[in-house]
């Protein structure tokens, strides 16, 4: 009975924190399923974008998160649930820029014959997007704060999930007022003995509002299966969007849509060994030991009704490692010597038709020519 009460308290406490942040997102918003922001009274803070990279090697999982925030809060706390005891380090911003480059669509030209809207005799250049070308850890005891470190501008505390007082005390010690209990959405995490990483955020300059893209953080924890927490996003009041990069030994995909639109694959392919930070993250750099996680998959997904989210994203291997890359086509009207090919073809055809018609008319006229018989010769009668 006592254990049940503790679990209920932690579920209410942490659920309130998450509801406070997720309810403040504006549309279009980015899924903040892995964490929640808590800021001081009288201030506002919104997560405008969250981009995450997940690496899973069959034994452990890494999640690197880059948050872009906006508002007037001078400081905030970010609470993130994790399935096992996690270590936290600073990430490298270069990882996300390289991920963007690696998964960007390729651009190709293609010609079309007949004029379209925008071409003479219509009117504008026309661009179209073509079809994409294939191109265990045991449960931790209730010990409260289990770790504390300073990482750049971040003050990181690692807390157990079974002690609500540890979370409340940590927030109070760092100047954050615990909001009223509004939800029990975190109770499933509590039942599974998940823990939390609580991070105090502050501007790098030391004063002014907390705004812009924050330094990325990397969390590493044991994991027998890759999972990306999404259940908490069901508290959001506006549509959510998720962009997720997955680095593993093979091409991966979400096991189900968990209540959202079908996930869309943006890219699938092997990570080149020369790709700097991305190669180091994947373990495919030339100075890395053999093995690693050489396959990169990028997916995006929309959640038009966040309340319909049914759980976390469990990632699974696809049937094969077929590569995939989006292709953006730039269409060009076919020309010959600067003249639209269709116009030359149509003009030549019309000329041929006119010539044929003229010949047919002339032939018909010759057949219908009237032959005038000679005048009859009148022979006068003989004279008397």
Protein backbone atom coordinates (compact mmCIF):
# COMPACT_ATOMS: atom_id res chain seq x y z
CA UNK A 1 0.00 0.00 0.00
CA UNK A 2 2.84 2.35 0.89
CA UNK A 3 4.68 1.55 -2.34
CA UNK A 4 1.52 2.26 -4.32
CA UNK A 5 1.19 5.64 -2.65
CA UNK A 6 4.77 6.58 -3.45
CA UNK A 7 4.28 5.61 -7.06
CA UNK A 8 1.13 7.69 -7.28
CA UNK A 9 2.96 10.71 -5.84
CA UNK A 10 5.83 10.51 -8.31
CA UNK A 11 3.42 10.04 -11.18
CA UNK A 12 1.46 13.14 -10.19
CA UNK A 13 4.56 15.23 -9.55
CA UNK A 14 6.38 14.47 -12.75
CA UNK A 15 3.23 14.41 -14.84
CA UNK A 16 2.49 17.96 -13.69
CA UNK A 17 5.92 19.09 -14.84
CA UNK A 18 5.45 17.59 -18.25
CA UNK A 19 1.93 18.93 -18.68
CA UNK A 20 3.16 22.44 -17.87
CA UNK A 21 5.72 22.39 -20.65
CA UNK A 22 3.95 20.41 -23.33
CA UNK A 23 0.79 22.41 -22.92
CA UNK A 24 2.70 25.58 -23.79
CA UNK A 25 3.89 24.37 -27.20
CA UNK A 26 2.60 26.28 -30.19
CA UNK A 27 1.58 24.81 -33.54
CA UNK A 28 3.40 23.63 -35.49
CA UNK A 29 5.31 22.20 -32.54
CA UNK A 30 8.06 19.65 -32.18
CA UNK A 31 7.60 16.57 -30.06
CA UNK A 32 9.21 16.93 -26.66
CA UNK A 33 8.54 13.35 -25.67
CA UNK A 34 11.89 12.81 -23.99
CA UNK A 35 11.70 15.61 -21.46
CA UNK A 36 9.88 18.51 -19.87
CA UNK A 37 10.82 22.08 -19.10
CA UNK A 38 10.12 23.78 -15.79
CA UNK A 39 10.77 27.49 -15.41
CA UNK A 40 10.18 30.14 -12.79
CA UNK A 41 6.81 31.83 -12.11
CA UNK A 42 6.01 34.85 -14.24
CA UNK A 43 8.21 33.68 -17.12
CA UNK A 44 7.57 31.76 -20.29
CA UNK A 45 9.63 29.24 -22.21
CA UNK A 46 8.75 27.14 -25.23
CA UNK A 47 10.65 24.43 -27.05
CA UNK A 48 10.49 25.47 -30.70
CA UNK A 49 12.41 22.50 -32.00
CA UNK A 50 13.76 19.23 -30.69
CA UNK A 51 16.03 17.12 -32.86
CA UNK A 52 17.27 13.78 -31.58
CA UNK A 53 19.83 11.24 -32.69
CA UNK A 54 19.63 7.71 -31.30
CA UNK A 55 22.50 5.20 -31.48
CA UNK A 56 21.95 1.58 -30.51
CA UNK A 57 24.62 -1.11 -30.70
CA UNK A 58 22.59 -4.01 -29.29
CA UNK A 59 23.74 -3.44 -25.70
CA UNK A 60 23.53 0.28 -24.98
CA UNK A 61 21.69 3.31 -26.29
CA UNK A 62 22.75 6.90 -26.72
CA UNK A 63 20.37 9.79 -27.20
CA UNK A 64 21.79 13.14 -28.29
CA UNK A 65 19.25 15.95 -28.08
CA UNK A 66 19.42 19.47 -29.42
CA UNK A 67 16.81 21.88 -28.06
CA UNK A 68 15.95 25.27 -29.53
CA UNK A 69 14.03 27.35 -26.99
CA UNK A 70 12.35 30.72 -26.99
CA UNK A 71 10.97 32.91 -24.21
CA UNK A 72 12.00 35.30 -21.43
CA UNK A 73 12.92 32.81 -18.69
CA UNK A 74 16.51 33.36 -17.41
CA UNK A 75 16.81 29.74 -16.37
CA UNK A 76 14.90 26.48 -16.55
CA UNK A 77 15.09 22.83 -15.57
CA UNK A 78 14.72 20.00 -18.04
CA UNK A 79 13.41 16.65 -16.77
CA UNK A 80 13.96 13.54 -18.88
CA UNK A 81 12.93 9.95 -18.09
CA UNK A 82 15.39 7.14 -18.90
CA UNK A 83 14.86 3.37 -18.58
CA UNK A 84 18.20 2.68 -16.82
CA UNK A 85 20.93 4.53 -14.95
CA UNK A 86 22.34 7.06 -17.40
CA UNK A 87 25.60 8.93 -17.82
CA UNK A 88 25.41 12.44 -19.22
CA UNK A 89 28.00 14.30 -21.29
CA UNK A 90 28.01 17.23 -23.64
CA UNK A 91 27.26 16.50 -27.27
CA UNK A 92 28.75 18.09 -30.37
CA UNK A 93 26.71 20.50 -32.49
CA UNK A 94 28.55 19.30 -35.58
CA UNK A 95 26.69 16.00 -35.32
CA UNK A 96 23.38 17.57 -36.32
CA UNK A 97 24.75 19.66 -39.14
CA UNK A 98 26.38 16.54 -40.57
CA UNK A 99 23.16 14.58 -40.15
CA UNK A 100 21.30 17.25 -42.10
CA UNK A 101 23.83 17.10 -44.91
CA UNK A 102 23.95 13.31 -45.00
CA UNK A 103 20.17 12.96 -45.25
CA UNK A 104 19.42 15.91 -47.52
CA UNK A 105 17.57 15.22 -50.77
CA UNK A 106 19.58 15.03 -53.97
CA UNK A 107 18.70 17.39 -56.81
CA UNK A 108 18.27 16.15 -60.36
CA UNK A 109 17.18 17.67 -63.65
CA UNK A 110 14.64 16.12 -65.99
CA UNK A 111 12.96 17.24 -69.20
CA UNK A 112 9.32 17.30 -70.17
CA UNK A 113 7.79 17.69 -73.61
CA UNK A 114 4.37 19.33 -73.42
CA UNK A 115 4.08 22.87 -71.99
CA UNK A 116 2.80 23.28 -68.44
CA UNK A 117 1.34 26.10 -66.45
CA UNK A 118 4.11 28.70 -66.52
CA UNK A 119 5.36 27.88 -70.02
CA UNK A 120 4.41 29.74 -73.18
CA UNK A 121 1.62 30.03 -74.16
CA UNK A 122 0.68 29.79 -70.48
CA UNK A 123 2.91 31.59 -68.01
CA UNK A 124 6.48 30.62 -64.49
CA UNK A 125 9.16 28.09 -63.95
CA UNK A 126 7.85 24.89 -62.46
CA UNK A 127 9.57 22.73 -59.84
CA UNK A 128 8.23 19.43 -58.64
CA UNK A 129 9.20 16.89 -56.04
CA UNK A 130 9.53 13.51 -57.64
CA UNK A 131 9.26 10.09 -56.13
CA UNK A 132 12.14 9.24 -53.87
CA UNK A 133 14.77 7.08 -55.44
CA UNK A 134 16.16 4.02 -53.72
CA UNK A 135 19.33 5.16 -53.79
CA UNK A 136 19.15 -4.94 -18.21
CA UNK A 137 19.82 -3.51 -15.81
CA UNK A 138 18.23 -4.23 -12.44
CA UNK A 139 15.86 -1.70 -10.92
CA UNK A 140 17.67 0.93 -8.87
CA UNK A 141 16.74 1.37 -5.22
CA UNK A 142 15.06 4.54 -3.97
CA UNK A 143 18.17 6.58 -3.21
CA UNK A 144 17.13 10.07 -4.40
CA UNK A 145 19.96 11.99 -6.05
CA UNK A 146 22.43 9.42 -7.37
CA UNK A 147 24.77 11.76 -9.22
CA UNK A 148 25.55 15.44 -9.75
CA UNK A 149 27.93 17.08 -12.23
CA UNK A 150 28.60 20.32 -14.05
CA UNK A 151 28.74 20.13 -17.84
CA UNK A 152 29.49 23.49 -19.41
CA UNK A 153 26.47 25.71 -18.71
CA UNK A 154 24.47 22.74 -17.40
CA UNK A 155 24.03 21.53 -13.83
CA UNK A 156 23.06 17.86 -14.16
CA UNK A 157 21.44 15.75 -11.44
CA UNK A 158 20.58 12.08 -11.87
CA UNK A 159 17.58 11.07 -9.80
CA UNK A 160 15.80 7.80 -9.10
CA UNK A 161 12.21 7.52 -10.26
CA UNK A 162 10.85 6.10 -7.01
CA UNK A 163 11.52 9.08 -4.75
CA UNK A 164 9.29 12.09 -5.51
CA UNK A 165 10.85 14.12 -2.69
CA UNK A 166 14.27 14.01 -4.40
CA UNK A 167 12.85 15.62 -7.50
CA UNK A 168 10.90 18.22 -5.52
CA UNK A 169 13.90 19.09 -3.32
CA UNK A 170 16.24 19.40 -6.28
CA UNK A 171 13.88 21.76 -8.09
CA UNK A 172 13.36 23.88 -4.97
CA UNK A 173 17.11 24.10 -4.32
CA UNK A 174 17.56 25.44 -7.84
CA UNK A 175 14.84 28.07 -7.63
CA UNK A 176 11.99 26.28 -9.34
CA UNK A 177 8.51 26.09 -7.91
CA UNK A 178 6.82 22.74 -8.37
CA UNK A 179 3.53 23.22 -10.25
CA UNK A 180 0.32 21.59 -9.00
CA UNK A 181 -0.21 17.94 -9.84
CA UNK A 182 -2.07 17.87 -13.15
CA UNK A 183 -1.50 14.41 -14.65
CA UNK A 184 -0.42 10.84 -14.01
CA UNK A 185 1.06 10.24 -17.45
CA UNK A 186 4.42 9.24 -15.99
CA UNK A 187 3.01 6.44 -13.86
CA UNK A 188 3.91 3.75 -16.44
CA UNK A 189 7.55 4.89 -16.27
CA UNK A 190 7.43 4.74 -12.46
CA UNK A 191 5.96 1.24 -12.55
CA UNK A 192 8.86 0.17 -14.76
CA UNK A 193 11.41 1.69 -12.34
CA UNK A 194 12.65 4.31 -14.80
CA UNK A 195 14.89 7.11 -13.54
CA UNK A 196 15.22 10.81 -14.37
CA UNK A 197 17.91 13.12 -15.53
CA UNK A 198 17.26 16.63 -14.22
CA UNK A 199 19.25 19.40 -15.87
CA UNK A 200 19.44 23.04 -14.86
CA UNK A 201 19.72 25.22 -17.95
CA UNK A 202 21.05 28.76 -18.04
CA UNK A 203 22.31 31.09 -20.80
CA UNK A 204 25.97 30.62 -21.68
CA UNK A 205 26.56 34.34 -21.09
CA UNK A 206 25.30 34.10 -17.52
CA UNK A 207 22.48 36.63 -17.88
CA UNK A 208 19.58 37.40 -20.16
CA UNK A 209 16.81 35.08 -21.29
CA UNK A 210 17.30 31.44 -22.14
CA UNK A 211 16.83 31.44 -25.89
CA UNK A 212 18.19 29.96 -29.09
CA UNK A 213 19.75 26.56 -29.71
CA UNK A 214 21.26 25.09 -26.55
CA UNK A 215 24.36 22.92 -26.47
CA UNK A 216 23.37 19.33 -27.16
CA UNK A 217 23.43 16.76 -24.37
CA UNK A 218 24.25 13.08 -24.76
CA UNK A 219 22.73 10.46 -22.50
CA UNK A 220 24.04 6.88 -22.49
CA UNK A 221 22.36 3.96 -20.75
CA UNK A 222 22.10 0.14 -21.03
CA UNK A 223 19.43 -0.99 -23.44
CA UNK A 224 18.51 -4.40 -24.80
CA UNK A 225 16.15 -2.79 -27.30
CA UNK A 226 16.11 0.71 -28.78
CA UNK A 227 13.30 2.91 -27.50
CA UNK A 228 12.50 6.59 -27.89
CA UNK A 229 10.13 7.91 -25.17
CA UNK A 230 7.06 9.53 -26.69
CA UNK A 231 4.24 8.78 -24.23
CA UNK A 232 4.54 12.17 -22.53
CA UNK A 233 3.73 14.03 -25.73
CA UNK A 234 0.10 12.94 -25.34
CA UNK A 235 -0.20 15.84 -22.88
CA UNK A 236 0.33 18.37 -25.67
CA UNK A 237 -2.61 20.48 -26.81
CA UNK A 238 -1.32 21.17 -30.30
CA UNK A 239 -0.12 19.03 -33.19
CA UNK A 240 3.35 17.54 -32.73
CA UNK A 241 6.12 16.73 -35.18
CA UNK A 242 9.05 14.39 -34.63
CA UNK A 243 12.35 14.21 -36.50
CA UNK A 244 14.48 11.28 -35.45
CA UNK A 245 17.86 10.01 -36.65
CA UNK A 246 18.62 6.37 -35.82
CA UNK A 247 22.14 4.95 -36.10
CA UNK A 248 22.42 1.20 -35.76
CA UNK A 249 23.91 -1.87 -37.43
CA UNK A 250 20.96 -2.07 -39.83
CA UNK A 251 18.15 0.01 -41.22
CA UNK A 252 15.55 0.66 -38.51
CA UNK A 253 11.93 1.76 -38.33
CA UNK A 254 9.32 2.49 -35.64
CA UNK A 255 7.43 -0.68 -34.80
CA UNK A 256 4.11 1.15 -35.07
CA UNK A 257 2.65 4.60 -35.56
CA UNK A 258 1.67 4.79 -31.81
CA UNK A 259 -1.36 6.90 -32.68
CA UNK A 260 0.24 9.27 -35.16
CA UNK A 261 0.45 9.46 -38.92
CA UNK A 262 2.49 6.72 -40.61
CA UNK A 263 6.20 7.53 -40.11
CA UNK A 264 7.85 8.83 -43.26
CA UNK A 265 11.34 7.66 -44.15
CA UNK A 266 13.57 10.60 -45.12
CA UNK A 267 16.80 8.69 -45.64
CA UNK A 268 18.38 5.26 -45.26
CA UNK A 269 21.98 4.46 -46.03
CA UNK A 270 25.41 3.61 -44.70
CA UNK A 271 27.46 6.17 -42.79
CA UNK A 272 30.70 7.06 -44.66
CA UNK A 273 33.86 6.56 -42.59
CA UNK A 274 35.09 10.09 -43.42
CA UNK A 275 32.06 11.93 -42.00
CA UNK A 276 33.73 13.46 -38.91
CA UNK A 277 31.49 13.65 -35.86
CA UNK A 278 28.76 11.54 -37.46
CA UNK A 279 31.28 8.76 -38.15
CA UNK A 280 32.56 8.96 -34.56
CA UNK A 281 29.00 8.79 -33.23
CA UNK A 282 28.31 5.77 -35.43
CA UNK A 283 31.66 4.14 -34.63
CA UNK A 284 32.60 4.01 -38.32
CA UNK A 285 35.49 6.48 -38.32
CA UNK A 286 38.83 5.19 -39.57
CA UNK A 287 40.31 5.26 -36.03
CA UNK A 288 37.35 3.39 -34.52
CA UNK A 289 37.47 -0.34 -33.74
CA UNK A 290 35.88 -2.68 -36.23
CA UNK A 291 32.14 -3.08 -35.97
CA UNK A 292 30.22 0.00 -34.96
CA UNK A 293 26.75 0.99 -36.09
CA UNK A 294 27.20 1.88 -39.73
CA UNK A 295 23.60 2.38 -40.88
CA UNK A 296 21.68 5.64 -40.65
CA UNK A 297 17.91 5.98 -40.90
CA UNK A 298 16.03 9.29 -40.68
CA UNK A 299 12.28 9.41 -40.12
CA UNK A 300 9.69 12.09 -39.52
CA UNK A 301 6.19 11.78 -38.14
CA UNK A 302 3.23 14.01 -37.36
CA UNK A 303 0.84 13.65 -34.44
CA UNK A 304 -2.26 15.65 -35.26
CA UNK A 305 -4.04 14.48 -32.07
CA UNK A 306 -1.38 14.06 -29.38
CA UNK A 307 -3.93 12.59 -26.96
CA UNK A 308 -4.10 9.56 -29.28
CA UNK A 309 -0.42 8.65 -28.62
CA UNK A 310 -0.41 5.15 -27.15
CA UNK A 311 3.17 4.72 -25.90
CA UNK A 312 6.86 5.01 -26.73
CA UNK A 313 8.51 4.41 -30.06
CA UNK A 314 10.09 0.98 -30.09
CA UNK A 315 12.54 0.75 -32.97
CA UNK A 316 12.99 -2.45 -34.91
CA UNK A 317 15.06 -3.69 -37.84
CA UNK A 318 13.48 -3.59 -41.28
CA UNK A 319 13.25 -6.59 -43.59
CA UNK A 320 16.34 -5.46 -45.51
CA UNK A 321 18.90 -2.66 -45.62
CA UNK A 322 17.70 -1.17 -48.91
CA UNK A 323 19.00 2.40 -49.29
CA UNK A 324 16.60 5.29 -49.74
CA UNK A 325 17.08 8.96 -50.53
CA UNK A 326 14.65 11.66 -51.47
CA UNK A 327 15.02 13.23 -54.89
CA UNK A 328 13.93 16.75 -55.79
CA UNK A 329 13.54 17.16 -59.51
CA UNK A 330 13.90 20.44 -61.37
CA UNK A 331 11.89 20.12 -64.55
CA UNK A 332 12.91 21.79 -67.80
CA UNK A 333 10.91 22.22 -70.98
CA UNK A 334 12.64 20.38 -73.85
CA UNK A 335 14.16 22.80 -76.38
CA UNK A 336 15.94 22.45 -79.72
CA UNK A 337 18.07 25.43 -80.63
CA UNK A 338 16.25 27.49 -78.01
CA UNK A 339 12.85 26.67 -79.48
CA UNK A 340 10.45 24.46 -77.48
CA UNK A 341 10.54 20.96 -78.94
CA UNK A 342 6.77 20.68 -78.78
CA UNK A 343 6.40 23.81 -80.87
CA UNK A 344 8.77 22.49 -83.52
CA UNK A 345 6.99 19.14 -83.56
CA UNK A 346 3.54 20.64 -83.69
CA UNK A 347 4.61 23.21 -86.29
CA UNK A 348 6.18 20.55 -88.48
CA UNK A 349 3.12 18.38 -88.12
CA UNK A 350 0.78 21.23 -89.01
CA UNK A 351 2.88 22.11 -92.04
CA UNK A 352 2.82 18.49 -93.20
CA UNK A 353 -0.93 18.34 -92.72
CA UNK A 354 -1.41 21.56 -94.66
CA UNK A 355 0.74 20.32 -97.53
CA UNK A 356 -1.14 17.03 -97.63
CA UNK A 357 -4.48 18.83 -97.62
CA UNK A 358 -3.37 21.11 -100.44
CA UNK A 359 -2.31 18.18 -102.60
CA UNK A 360 -5.58 16.41 -101.97
CA UNK A 361 -7.54 19.51 -102.95
CA UNK A 362 -5.60 19.93 -106.14
CA UNK A 363 -6.11 16.28 -107.06
CA UNK A 364 -9.83 16.58 -106.46
CA UNK A 365 -10.04 19.64 -108.63
CA UNK A 366 -8.36 17.85 -111.51
CA UNK A 367 -10.81 14.96 -111.29
CA UNK A 368 -13.79 17.27 -111.38
CA UNK A 369 -12.59 19.28 -114.40
CA UNK A 370 -15.52 19.73 -116.97
CA UNK A 371 -14.81 18.64 -120.60
CA UNK A 372 -16.69 20.93 -123.09
CA UNK A 373 -17.73 18.98 -126.25
CA UNK A 374 -17.02 20.61 -129.61
CA UNK A 375 -19.82 22.54 -131.24
CA UNK A 376 -21.92 20.44 -133.69
CA UNK A 377 -21.31 20.95 -137.41
CA UNK A 378 -24.51 22.07 -139.08
CA UNK A 379 -24.78 20.82 -142.70
CA UNK A 380 -27.08 22.95 -144.79
CA UNK A 381 -29.69 21.09 -146.83
CA UNK A 382 -29.04 20.66 -150.52
CA UNK A 383 -30.37 23.27 -152.82
CA UNK A 384 -33.49 22.55 -154.69
